[in-house]
Amino acid sequence: MRRIPIPHGELCYICGLIAQKAERNQGIFTGKYLCIICYSRKKNKDYLMKNKDKINKERRAIRNWRNGQLDPHSNLGKGFISEQIVCITLGLRNCNIETDNWNSHTDIDKHEKYGYISVKGANIKRGEWHFSNTGEGIFDTLIIICMGSNKNIERVYAIPAIEAKIRNTICIYKNPCREGWYEKYRIDESPFDITYHNMKLSDCKILRH
């Protein structure tokens, strides 16, 4: 998007401070200018309006987690389980659970080899595991948990952030016609599978089983 120059001495039309940003509406310049404070406030307000349903969904998840009523068979429940599998297997703290705080820029403590970790888990569907929005968040490594139809963890991948962010969507095929680019990032799934089968979901306070 082309940068719009700010005329010398132009003032923010909201508060009257020196303007530093041009206002856009759906990418189109409105002819108005904003100071950096008003620009940030407006940008945040626009984001909240655009992502209202997503934010409400996240808030419901947090509420259900705190009330011990998060369904382990839901996508959100599976996400929490996948995080816990990684944390327990690698001996890391889940910052969300331990601090009861979802405002941290990372969910999991830093790992010596993988750095800051993001986690995604999925069940196999029609012979593939599909992961979307793999570039979201701040992390060094994306750990992918692939659950099989037999309720075992069939594969685990530790994918560098640069690969996850460039692609943003990752499809892993169980029986590909040729080896996928992701196979070089595959790691031993057995420790993660052992952790999963040792987890007692019925006793886990964050889930409703």
Foldseek 3Di string as FASTA:
>chain_A
DDADDDPPPAAAPPPGHRFDHFDDDVRHTPVGTHHPVVVVVVVVVVVCVVCVVVVVVVVVLLVLQVQLAAACPDQSNVQVLQVVLVCVLQVWDQCCVVVVDPPDLARIQQHPPFGGEDEHEAEDDPQKGKDAQQQDGDGQWYWYFYAYPVRFGDWIFTHGNVVCNVVRMDMGGNDDPDDDPRPVRTDDCVSSRVSSVPDDQVPDSRHDD
